[in-house]
Amino acid sequence: MADGESQGQSNEPNNLDWKQVAKRLSVDTKTGLSEEEAQKRTSKFGFNEIPEKKESWIIKFLKKFWGLTAWMLELTMLVSFILGKYLDLYIIGALLLFNSILSFLQEEKASSVINSLKKSLQVEARVLRDGKWNTVPARELVPGDIVRVRTGDFVAADLKVVAGKLESDQSALTGESMAVEKKENSVLYSGSIVKKGEASTIVLATGKKTYFGRTAQLVQIARPK
């Protein structure tokens, strides 16, 4: 594999101009990657998707009774039972159950956010391979792919603008209410939407290595325990 490709999926290319990125990712912007090379990179980097460990809702709910806070309440319930303070036992039990249900519902809400983000990646992209423009599922994009984006497109990978000019809505990622102008050498973040314009770009990162993917991982890490 070329040295340039080994640099794929890192944050450093964000700070390089597109010519340096193309050299590092071993791609000719006029012809794009070959299908053979794209398959090799898929094997190396995986599909452009965010993996998620799934658990039964029952297991997730029962885990709410396991942890420091839960242990303290459960110990207090045990002491109350031994001392015959049944009213305290019922009150603490109700509090434990309420906290567990609330935490579980918050976690399910976080999961729905992640699922919505993942579904957004189930789109198609216009990619240049073997010198020809084709439409492929966005999950098949790899670092180094040459991608064309235009008004209304969902950005499915982190992209470096090669040519063109557009405005990007990245409010879902950064909270910015106004569209952000993107031009040559700007970075388009996965999860944003092209509001206006058109541009040719190079894929910098895919899947969990994108800004979008790292955001989804942070949501998972921040889930209530």
C-alpha atoms as a PDB file:
ATOM      1  CA  MET A   1       0.000   0.000   0.000  1.00  0.00           C
ATOM      2  CA  ALA A   2       1.296   3.453  -0.821  1.00  0.00           C
ATOM      3  CA  ASP A   3       2.779   5.586   1.949  1.00  0.00           C
ATOM      4  CA  GLY A   4       0.183   8.236   1.248  1.00  0.00           C
ATOM      5  CA  GLU A   5      -2.666   5.896   1.991  1.00  0.00           C
ATOM      6  CA  SER A   6      -1.264   5.031   5.401  1.00  0.00           C
ATOM      7  CA  GLN A   7      -1.971   8.607   6.392  1.00  0.00           C
ATOM      8  CA  GLY A   8      -5.704   8.231   5.730  1.00  0.00           C
ATOM      9  CA  GLN A   9      -8.182   8.643   8.578  1.00  0.00           C
ATOM     10  CA  SER A  10      -5.961  11.068  10.535  1.00  0.00           C
ATOM     11  CA  ASN A  11      -6.772  14.678  11.419  1.00  0.00           C
ATOM     12  CA  GLU A  12      -3.532  16.086   9.985  1.00  0.00           C
ATOM     13  CA  PRO A  13      -4.772  16.294   6.338  1.00  0.00           C
ATOM     14  CA  ASN A  14      -7.351  18.859   7.498  1.00  0.00           C
ATOM     15  CA  ASN A  15      -4.504  21.373   7.756  1.00  0.00           C
ATOM     16  CA  LEU A  16      -2.997  20.608   4.335  1.00  0.00           C
ATOM     17  CA  ASP A  17      -4.018  22.067   0.975  1.00  0.00           C
ATOM     18  CA  TRP A  18      -5.837  19.736  -1.395  1.00  0.00           C
ATOM     19  CA  LYS A  19      -2.757  19.037  -3.534  1.00  0.00           C
ATOM     20  CA  GLN A  20      -0.849  17.821  -0.490  1.00  0.00           C
ATOM     21  CA  VAL A  21      -3.853  15.754   0.568  1.00  0.00           C
ATOM     22  CA  ALA A  22      -4.104  14.175  -2.894  1.00  0.00           C
ATOM     23  CA  LYS A  23      -0.407  13.290  -2.793  1.00  0.00           C
ATOM     24  CA  ARG A  24      -0.653  11.887   0.712  1.00  0.00           C
ATOM     25  CA  LEU A  25      -3.697   9.795  -0.174  1.00  0.00           C
ATOM     26  CA  SER A  26      -2.132   8.700  -3.479  1.00  0.00           C
ATOM     27  CA  VAL A  27      -4.958   9.836  -5.741  1.00  0.00           C
ATOM     28  CA  ASP A  28      -5.123  11.657  -9.079  1.00  0.00           C
ATOM     29  CA  THR A  29      -7.982  14.153  -8.839  1.00  0.00           C
ATOM     30  CA  LYS A  30      -8.603  13.842 -12.598  1.00  0.00           C
ATOM     31  CA  THR A  31      -9.226  10.096 -12.588  1.00  0.00           C
ATOM     32  CA  GLY A  32      -9.956   9.225  -8.960  1.00  0.00           C
ATOM     33  CA  LEU A  33      -9.153   5.881  -7.391  1.00  0.00           C
ATOM     34  CA  SER A  34      -9.441   2.633  -9.288  1.00  0.00           C
ATOM     35  CA  GLU A  35     -12.172   0.219  -8.222  1.00  0.00           C
ATOM     36  CA  GLU A  36      -9.450  -2.215  -7.185  1.00  0.00           C
ATOM     37  CA  GLU A  37      -7.766   0.380  -4.975  1.00  0.00           C
ATOM     38  CA  ALA A  38     -11.129   1.410  -3.502  1.00  0.00           C
ATOM     39  CA  GLN A  39     -11.774  -2.199  -2.497  1.00  0.00           C
ATOM     40  CA  LYS A  40      -8.331  -2.423  -0.883  1.00  0.00           C
ATOM     41  CA  ARG A  41      -9.037   0.698   1.141  1.00  0.00           C
ATOM     42  CA  THR A  42     -12.432  -0.633   2.168  1.00  0.00           C
ATOM     43  CA  SER A  43     -10.639  -3.700   3.535  1.00  0.00           C
ATOM     44  CA  LYS A  44      -8.155  -1.444   5.339  1.00  0.00           C
ATOM     45  CA  PHE A  45     -10.476   1.238   6.734  1.00  0.00           C
ATOM     46  CA  GLY A  46     -13.843  -0.520   6.720  1.00  0.00           C
ATOM     47  CA  PHE A  47     -17.155   0.770   5.426  1.00  0.00           C
ATOM     48  CA  ASN A  48     -18.166   4.387   5.895  1.00  0.00           C
ATOM     49  CA  GLU A  49     -20.483   3.707   8.812  1.00  0.00           C
ATOM     50  CA  ILE A  50     -20.549   4.033  12.569  1.00  0.00           C
ATOM     51  CA  PRO A  51     -20.517   0.704  14.435  1.00  0.00           C
ATOM     52  CA  GLU A  52     -22.648   0.434  17.531  1.00  0.00           C
ATOM     53  CA  LYS A  53     -22.754  -2.271  20.156  1.00  0.00           C
ATOM     54  CA  LYS A  54     -26.355  -3.353  20.668  1.00  0.00           C
ATOM     55  CA  GLU A  55     -27.796  -4.719  23.890  1.00  0.00           C
ATOM     56  CA  SER A  56     -31.188  -6.023  24.880  1.00  0.00           C
ATOM     57  CA  TRP A  57     -33.342  -3.309  26.461  1.00  0.00           C
ATOM     58  CA  ILE A  58     -33.830  -5.620  29.442  1.00  0.00           C
ATOM     59  CA  ILE A  59     -30.071  -5.843  30.019  1.00  0.00           C
ATOM     60  CA  LYS A  60     -29.719  -2.080  29.654  1.00  0.00           C
ATOM     61  CA  PHE A  61     -32.516  -1.499  32.174  1.00  0.00           C
ATOM     62  CA  LEU A  62     -31.121  -3.984  34.708  1.00  0.00           C
ATOM     63  CA  LYS A  63     -27.732  -2.252  34.505  1.00  0.00           C
ATOM     64  CA  LYS A  64     -29.373   0.799  36.053  1.00  0.00           C
ATOM     65  CA  PHE A  65     -29.482  -1.134  39.330  1.00  0.00           C
ATOM     66  CA  TRP A  66     -25.721  -1.676  39.196  1.00  0.00           C
ATOM     67  CA  GLY A  67     -23.383   1.144  40.182  1.00  0.00           C
ATOM     68  CA  LEU A  68     -22.253   3.240  43.130  1.00  0.00           C
ATOM     69  CA  THR A  69     -25.476   5.239  43.521  1.00  0.00           C
ATOM     70  CA  ALA A  70     -27.658   2.156  43.094  1.00  0.00           C
ATOM     71  CA  TRP A  71     -25.529   0.188  45.563  1.00  0.00           C
ATOM     72  CA  MET A  72     -25.876   2.900  48.217  1.00  0.00           C
ATOM     73  CA  LEU A  73     -29.654   2.953  47.846  1.00  0.00           C
ATOM     74  CA  GLU A  74     -29.859  -0.836  47.849  1.00  0.00           C
ATOM     75  CA  LEU A  75     -27.694  -1.017  50.978  1.00  0.00           C
ATOM     76  CA  THR A  76     -29.937   1.542  52.675  1.00  0.00           C
ATOM     77  CA  MET A  77     -32.969  -0.541  51.703  1.00  0.00           C
ATOM     78  CA  LEU A  78     -31.355  -3.619  53.251  1.00  0.00           C
ATOM     79  CA  VAL A  79     -30.607  -1.768  56.498  1.00  0.00           C
ATOM     80  CA  SER A  80     -34.172  -0.409  56.595  1.00  0.00           C
ATOM     81  CA  PHE A  81     -35.528  -3.934  56.136  1.00  0.00           C
ATOM     82  CA  ILE A  82     -33.340  -5.315  58.923  1.00  0.00           C
ATOM     83  CA  LEU A  83     -34.405  -2.507  61.271  1.00  0.00           C
ATOM     84  CA  GLY A  84     -38.037  -2.948  60.330  1.00  0.00           C
ATOM     85  CA  LYS A  85     -38.342   0.563  58.889  1.00  0.00           C
ATOM     86  CA  TYR A  86     -40.637  -0.492  56.084  1.00  0.00           C
ATOM     87  CA  LEU A  87     -41.830   3.009  55.190  1.00  0.00           C
ATOM     88  CA  ASP A  88     -38.227   4.057  54.543  1.00  0.00           C
ATOM     89  CA  LEU A  89     -37.762   0.848  52.575  1.00  0.00           C
ATOM     90  CA  TYR A  90     -40.710   1.637  50.288  1.00  0.00           C
ATOM     91  CA  ILE A  91     -39.682   5.273  49.784  1.00  0.00           C
ATOM     92  CA  ILE A  92     -36.067   4.406  48.938  1.00  0.00           C
ATOM     93  CA  GLY A  93     -37.212   1.560  46.679  1.00  0.00           C
ATOM     94  CA  ALA A  94     -39.517   3.915  44.811  1.00  0.00           C
ATOM     95  CA  LEU A  95     -36.684   6.453  44.469  1.00  0.00           C
ATOM     96  CA  LEU A  96     -34.334   3.783  43.111  1.00  0.00           C
ATOM     97  CA  LEU A  97     -36.923   2.598  40.602  1.00  0.00           C
ATOM     98  CA  PHE A  98     -37.728   6.161  39.508  1.00  0.00           C
ATOM     99  CA  ASN A  99     -34.046   7.012  38.971  1.00  0.00           C
ATOM    100  CA  SER A 100     -33.496   3.782  37.032  1.00  0.00           C
ATOM    101  CA  ILE A 101     -36.464   4.407  34.740  1.00  0.00           C
ATOM    102  CA  LEU A 102     -35.441   8.033  34.151  1.00  0.00           C
ATOM    103  CA  SER A 103     -31.845   7.049  33.361  1.00  0.00           C
ATOM    104  CA  PHE A 104     -33.029   4.279  31.034  1.00  0.00           C
ATOM    105  CA  LEU A 105     -35.323   6.644  29.106  1.00  0.00           C
ATOM    106  CA  GLN A 106     -32.511   9.189  28.737  1.00  0.00           C
ATOM    107  CA  GLU A 107     -30.227   6.482  27.376  1.00  0.00           C
ATOM    108  CA  GLU A 108     -32.868   5.358  24.895  1.00  0.00           C
ATOM    109  CA  LYS A 109     -33.231   8.953  23.729  1.00  0.00           C
ATOM    110  CA  ALA A 110     -29.464   9.150  23.180  1.00  0.00           C
ATOM    111  CA  SER A 111     -29.643   5.885  21.220  1.00  0.00           C
ATOM    112  CA  SER A 112     -32.349   7.296  18.971  1.00  0.00           C
ATOM    113  CA  VAL A 113     -30.086  10.277  18.203  1.00  0.00           C
ATOM    114  CA  ILE A 114     -27.281   7.932  17.165  1.00  0.00           C
ATOM    115  CA  ASN A 115     -29.643   5.844  15.045  1.00  0.00           C
ATOM    116  CA  SER A 116     -30.873   8.980  13.286  1.00  0.00           C
ATOM    117  CA  LEU A 117     -27.288   9.991  12.540  1.00  0.00           C
ATOM    118  CA  LYS A 118     -26.513   6.533  11.184  1.00  0.00           C
ATOM    119  CA  LYS A 119     -29.589   6.537   8.956  1.00  0.00           C
ATOM    120  CA  SER A 120     -28.434   9.851   7.517  1.00  0.00           C
ATOM    121  CA  LEU A 121     -25.368   8.052   6.177  1.00  0.00           C
ATOM    122  CA  GLN A 122     -27.558   5.730   4.116  1.00  0.00           C
ATOM    123  CA  VAL A 123     -27.391   8.003   1.099  1.00  0.00           C
ATOM    124  CA  GLU A 124     -25.617   7.900  -2.241  1.00  0.00           C
ATOM    125  CA  ALA A 125     -22.575   9.835  -3.402  1.00  0.00           C
ATOM    126  CA  ARG A 126     -21.213  10.876  -6.794  1.00  0.00           C
ATOM    127  CA  VAL A 127     -17.682   9.508  -6.935  1.00  0.00           C
ATOM    128  CA  LEU A 128     -14.940   9.524  -9.579  1.00  0.00           C
ATOM    129  CA  ARG A 129     -13.310   6.127 -10.094  1.00  0.00           C
ATOM    130  CA  ASP A 130     -11.289   4.867 -13.037  1.00  0.00           C
ATOM    131  CA  GLY A 131     -11.869   8.246 -14.688  1.00  0.00           C
ATOM    132  CA  LYS A 132     -15.666   7.892 -14.657  1.00  0.00           C
ATOM    133  CA  TRP A 133     -18.309   9.476 -12.448  1.00  0.00           C
ATOM    134  CA  ASN A 134     -20.590   6.959 -10.774  1.00  0.00           C
ATOM    135  CA  THR A 135     -23.201   6.960  -8.033  1.00  0.00           C
ATOM    136  CA  VAL A 136     -22.382   4.619  -5.150  1.00  0.00           C
ATOM    137  CA  PRO A 137     -23.797   4.064  -1.653  1.00  0.00           C
ATOM    138  CA  ALA A 138     -22.146   6.527   0.727  1.00  0.00           C
ATOM    139  CA  ARG A 139     -21.096   3.631   2.970  1.00  0.00           C
ATOM    140  CA  GLU A 140     -18.676   2.564   0.204  1.00  0.00           C
ATOM    141  CA  LEU A 141     -16.686   5.807   0.241  1.00  0.00           C
ATOM    142  CA  VAL A 142     -13.017   5.488   1.230  1.00  0.00           C
ATOM    143  CA  PRO A 143     -10.250   7.994   2.043  1.00  0.00           C
ATOM    144  CA  GLY A 144      -8.915   9.379  -1.239  1.00  0.00           C
ATOM    145  CA  ASP A 145     -12.171   9.129  -3.181  1.00  0.00           C
ATOM    146  CA  ILE A 146     -12.991  12.137  -5.360  1.00  0.00           C
ATOM    147  CA  VAL A 147     -16.569  13.172  -4.600  1.00  0.00           C
ATOM    148  CA  ARG A 148     -18.835  15.784  -6.170  1.00  0.00           C
ATOM    149  CA  VAL A 149     -21.277  17.541  -3.828  1.00  0.00           C
ATOM    150  CA  ARG A 150     -23.967  20.086  -4.634  1.00  0.00           C
ATOM    151  CA  THR A 151     -27.005  21.867  -3.217  1.00  0.00           C
ATOM    152  CA  GLY A 152     -29.139  19.631  -1.013  1.00  0.00           C
ATOM    153  CA  ASP A 153     -26.525  16.913  -0.530  1.00  0.00           C
ATOM    154  CA  PHE A 154     -25.916  15.340   2.857  1.00  0.00           C
ATOM    155  CA  VAL A 155     -22.157  15.221   3.439  1.00  0.00           C
ATOM    156  CA  ALA A 156     -21.391  11.588   4.256  1.00  0.00           C
ATOM    157  CA  ALA A 157     -17.648  11.866   4.955  1.00  0.00           C
ATOM    158  CA  ASP A 158     -15.102  14.519   5.911  1.00  0.00           C
ATOM    159  CA  LEU A 159     -14.116  16.201   2.634  1.00  0.00           C
ATOM    160  CA  LYS A 160     -11.400  18.603   1.463  1.00  0.00           C
ATOM    161  CA  VAL A 161     -12.635  21.027  -1.214  1.00  0.00           C
ATOM    162  CA  VAL A 162     -10.581  20.792  -4.420  1.00  0.00           C
ATOM    163  CA  ALA A 163     -12.541  23.185  -6.625  1.00  0.00           C
ATOM    164  CA  GLY A 164     -15.799  25.070  -6.373  1.00  0.00           C
ATOM    165  CA  LYS A 165     -17.583  27.103  -3.745  1.00  0.00           C
ATOM    166  CA  LEU A 166     -20.569  26.359  -1.560  1.00  0.00           C
ATOM    167  CA  GLU A 167     -22.333  27.068   1.714  1.00  0.00           C
ATOM    168  CA  SER A 168     -22.668  24.362   4.347  1.00  0.00           C
ATOM    169  CA  ASP A 169     -25.194  23.993   7.157  1.00  0.00           C
ATOM    170  CA  GLN A 170     -23.286  22.374  10.017  1.00  0.00           C
ATOM    171  CA  SER A 171     -25.597  23.524  12.809  1.00  0.00           C
ATOM    172  CA  ALA A 172     -26.304  19.927  13.852  1.00  0.00           C
ATOM    173  CA  LEU A 173     -22.592  19.490  14.570  1.00  0.00           C
ATOM    174  CA  THR A 174     -21.330  22.857  15.783  1.00  0.00           C
ATOM    175  CA  GLY A 175     -24.471  24.775  16.714  1.00  0.00           C
ATOM    176  CA  GLU A 176     -23.706  27.520  14.188  1.00  0.00           C
ATOM    177  CA  SER A 177     -27.020  28.969  13.030  1.00  0.00           C
ATOM    178  CA  MET A 178     -25.667  30.521   9.834  1.00  0.00           C
ATOM    179  CA  ALA A 179     -24.464  28.616   6.782  1.00  0.00           C
ATOM    180  CA  VAL A 180     -20.664  28.472   6.554  1.00  0.00           C
ATOM    181  CA  GLU A 181     -18.880  29.320   3.316  1.00  0.00           C
ATOM    182  CA  LYS A 182     -16.619  26.591   1.958  1.00  0.00           C
ATOM    183  CA  LYS A 183     -14.121  27.133  -0.837  1.00  0.00           C
ATOM    184  CA  GLU A 184     -10.880  25.615  -2.109  1.00  0.00           C
ATOM    185  CA  ASN A 185      -8.988  23.850   0.725  1.00  0.00           C
ATOM    186  CA  SER A 186     -11.894  24.193   3.177  1.00  0.00           C
ATOM    187  CA  VAL A 187     -13.085  21.096   5.040  1.00  0.00           C
ATOM    188  CA  LEU A 188     -16.668  19.870   4.727  1.00  0.00           C
ATOM    189  CA  TYR A 189     -17.653  17.865   7.785  1.00  0.00           C
ATOM    190  CA  SER A 190     -19.616  14.653   7.689  1.00  0.00           C
ATOM    191  CA  GLY A 191     -23.122  15.286   8.975  1.00  0.00           C
ATOM    192  CA  SER A 192     -23.439  18.738   7.414  1.00  0.00           C
ATOM    193  CA  ILE A 193     -25.718  19.680   4.505  1.00  0.00           C
ATOM    194  CA  VAL A 194     -24.844  21.631   1.366  1.00  0.00           C
ATOM    195  CA  LYS A 195     -27.215  24.600   1.288  1.00  0.00           C
ATOM    196  CA  LYS A 196     -25.891  26.297  -1.835  1.00  0.00           C
ATOM    197  CA  GLY A 197     -23.245  25.736  -4.498  1.00  0.00           C
ATOM    198  CA  GLU A 198     -21.238  22.827  -5.861  1.00  0.00           C
ATOM    199  CA  ALA A 199     -17.703  21.503  -5.415  1.00  0.00           C
ATOM    200  CA  SER A 200     -15.309  18.666  -6.152  1.00  0.00           C
ATOM    201  CA  THR A 201     -13.720  17.213  -3.032  1.00  0.00           C
ATOM    202  CA  ILE A 202     -11.360  14.560  -1.669  1.00  0.00           C
ATOM    203  CA  VAL A 203     -12.502  12.219   1.094  1.00  0.00           C
ATOM    204  CA  LEU A 204     -10.322  12.807   4.167  1.00  0.00           C
ATOM    205  CA  ALA A 205     -11.924  10.405   6.629  1.00  0.00           C
ATOM    206  CA  THR A 206     -14.832   7.988   6.830  1.00  0.00           C
ATOM    207  CA  GLY A 207     -16.971   6.274   9.463  1.00  0.00           C
ATOM    208  CA  LYS A 208     -16.029   6.693  13.107  1.00  0.00           C
ATOM    209  CA  LYS A 209     -12.908   8.692  12.180  1.00  0.00           C
ATOM    210  CA  THR A 210     -14.977  11.607  10.849  1.00  0.00           C
ATOM    211  CA  TYR A 211     -16.137  14.603  12.873  1.00  0.00           C
ATOM    212  CA  PHE A 212     -19.612  13.099  12.616  1.00  0.00           C
ATOM    213  CA  GLY A 213     -18.388   9.715  13.871  1.00  0.00           C
ATOM    214  CA  ARG A 214     -16.474  11.189  16.789  1.00  0.00           C
ATOM    215  CA  THR A 215     -19.590  13.144  17.780  1.00  0.00           C
ATOM    216  CA  ALA A 216     -21.652   9.945  17.774  1.00  0.00           C
ATOM    217  CA  GLN A 217     -19.026   8.208  19.914  1.00  0.00           C
ATOM    218  CA  LEU A 218     -19.108  11.077  22.414  1.00  0.00           C
ATOM    219  CA  VAL A 219     -22.891  10.722  22.640  1.00  0.00           C
ATOM    220  CA  GLN A 220     -22.418   7.043  23.479  1.00  0.00           C
ATOM    221  CA  ILE A 221     -19.739   7.781  26.083  1.00  0.00           C
ATOM    222  CA  ALA A 222     -21.921  10.469  27.670  1.00  0.00           C
ATOM    223  CA  ARG A 223     -24.880   8.145  28.150  1.00  0.00           C
ATOM    224  CA  PRO A 224     -26.196   8.093  31.723  1.00  0.00           C
ATOM    225  CA  LYS A 225     -24.918   5.058  33.609  1.00  0.00           C
END
